[in-house]
Amino acid sequence: MIALFFVLFVSLLVAGFFLGGFLWSVKKDQFEDKEGAAMRMLHDDGTFPTPVEKPAAPGIH
């Protein structure tokens, strides 16, 4: 029974640690740029491709 309480305490401590880290990262705006890093990874020179407009489907006006 003591082991169950110990494991419960340790798991709550670890969960609190991760919750604190998440809240700290949100406060420091770590999630501000959601798509920039993914696009920079694909383009080493820092340029972004221009979006291409999709052609209209035939028969729809």
C-alpha atoms as a PDB file:
ATOM      1  CA  MET A   1       0.000   0.000   0.000  1.00  0.00           C
ATOM      2  CA  ILE A   2       2.916   2.318   0.744  1.00  0.00           C
ATOM      3  CA  ALA A   3       4.335   1.636  -2.726  1.00  0.00           C
ATOM      4  CA  LEU A   4       1.035   2.669  -4.334  1.00  0.00           C
ATOM      5  CA  PHE A   5       1.061   6.003  -2.513  1.00  0.00           C
ATOM      6  CA  PHE A   6       4.719   6.534  -3.431  1.00  0.00           C
ATOM      7  CA  VAL A   7       4.098   5.855  -7.127  1.00  0.00           C
ATOM      8  CA  LEU A   8       1.037   8.105  -7.074  1.00  0.00           C
ATOM      9  CA  PHE A   9       3.031  10.919  -5.468  1.00  0.00           C
ATOM     10  CA  VAL A  10       5.893  10.572  -7.945  1.00  0.00           C
ATOM     11  CA  SER A  11       3.533  10.500 -10.943  1.00  0.00           C
ATOM     12  CA  LEU A  12       1.757  13.646  -9.723  1.00  0.00           C
ATOM     13  CA  LEU A  13       5.124  15.315  -9.208  1.00  0.00           C
ATOM     14  CA  VAL A  14       6.240  14.465 -12.755  1.00  0.00           C
ATOM     15  CA  ALA A  15       2.894  15.588 -14.198  1.00  0.00           C
ATOM     16  CA  GLY A  16       3.195  18.878 -12.308  1.00  0.00           C
ATOM     17  CA  PHE A  17       6.711  19.345 -13.675  1.00  0.00           C
ATOM     18  CA  PHE A  18       5.515  18.900 -17.258  1.00  0.00           C
ATOM     19  CA  LEU A  19       2.483  21.133 -16.690  1.00  0.00           C
ATOM     20  CA  GLY A  20       4.760  23.842 -15.305  1.00  0.00           C
ATOM     21  CA  GLY A  21       7.058  23.528 -18.322  1.00  0.00           C
ATOM     22  CA  PHE A  22       4.141  23.778 -20.712  1.00  0.00           C
ATOM     23  CA  LEU A  23       2.709  26.838 -18.979  1.00  0.00           C
ATOM     24  CA  TRP A  24       6.151  28.468 -18.942  1.00  0.00           C
ATOM     25  CA  SER A  25       6.579  27.869 -22.685  1.00  0.00           C
ATOM     26  CA  VAL A  26       3.137  29.339 -23.421  1.00  0.00           C
ATOM     27  CA  LYS A  27       3.945  32.386 -21.291  1.00  0.00           C
ATOM     28  CA  LYS A  28       7.255  32.895 -23.152  1.00  0.00           C
ATOM     29  CA  ASP A  29       5.448  32.709 -26.555  1.00  0.00           C
ATOM     30  CA  GLN A  30       7.193  29.533 -27.708  1.00  0.00           C
ATOM     31  CA  PHE A  31       4.106  28.609 -29.748  1.00  0.00           C
ATOM     32  CA  GLU A  32       3.692  32.021 -31.414  1.00  0.00           C
ATOM     33  CA  ASP A  33       4.838  31.013 -34.918  1.00  0.00           C
ATOM     34  CA  LYS A  34       3.001  27.799 -35.743  1.00  0.00           C
ATOM     35  CA  GLU A  35       3.996  27.342 -39.397  1.00  0.00           C
ATOM     36  CA  GLY A  36       7.224  29.304 -39.791  1.00  0.00           C
ATOM     37  CA  ALA A  37       9.645  26.679 -38.534  1.00  0.00           C
ATOM     38  CA  ALA A  38       8.096  23.974 -40.689  1.00  0.00           C
ATOM     39  CA  MET A  39       8.416  26.148 -43.780  1.00  0.00           C
ATOM     40  CA  ARG A  40      11.958  27.265 -42.914  1.00  0.00           C
ATOM     41  CA  MET A  41      12.964  23.621 -42.597  1.00  0.00           C
ATOM     42  CA  LEU A  42      11.906  22.997 -46.194  1.00  0.00           C
ATOM     43  CA  HIS A  43      13.534  26.134 -47.641  1.00  0.00           C
ATOM     44  CA  ASP A  44      17.092  26.752 -46.504  1.00  0.00           C
ATOM     45  CA  ASP A  45      17.366  30.184 -48.109  1.00  0.00           C
ATOM     46  CA  GLY A  46      14.510  31.605 -46.049  1.00  0.00           C
ATOM     47  CA  THR A  47      12.185  32.226 -48.978  1.00  0.00           C
ATOM     48  CA  PHE A  48       8.651  30.974 -49.037  1.00  0.00           C
ATOM     49  CA  PRO A  49       6.960  29.669 -52.171  1.00  0.00           C
ATOM     50  CA  THR A  50       4.141  31.755 -53.550  1.00  0.00           C
ATOM     51  CA  PRO A  51       0.748  30.101 -53.193  1.00  0.00           C
ATOM     52  CA  VAL A  52      -0.650  28.733 -56.441  1.00  0.00           C
ATOM     53  CA  GLU A  53      -4.304  29.373 -57.183  1.00  0.00           C
ATOM     54  CA  LYS A  54      -6.289  26.274 -58.011  1.00  0.00           C
ATOM     55  CA  PRO A  55      -8.011  26.389 -61.401  1.00  0.00           C
ATOM     56  CA  ALA A  56     -11.801  26.357 -61.336  1.00  0.00           C
ATOM     57  CA  ALA A  57     -13.447  23.019 -61.919  1.00  0.00           C
ATOM     58  CA  PRO A  58     -14.868  22.654 -65.442  1.00  0.00           C
ATOM     59  CA  GLY A  59     -18.590  23.285 -65.668  1.00  0.00           C
ATOM     60  CA  ILE A  60     -18.798  25.406 -62.484  1.00  0.00           C
ATOM     61  CA  HIS A  61     -19.227  29.136 -63.093  1.00  0.00           C
END
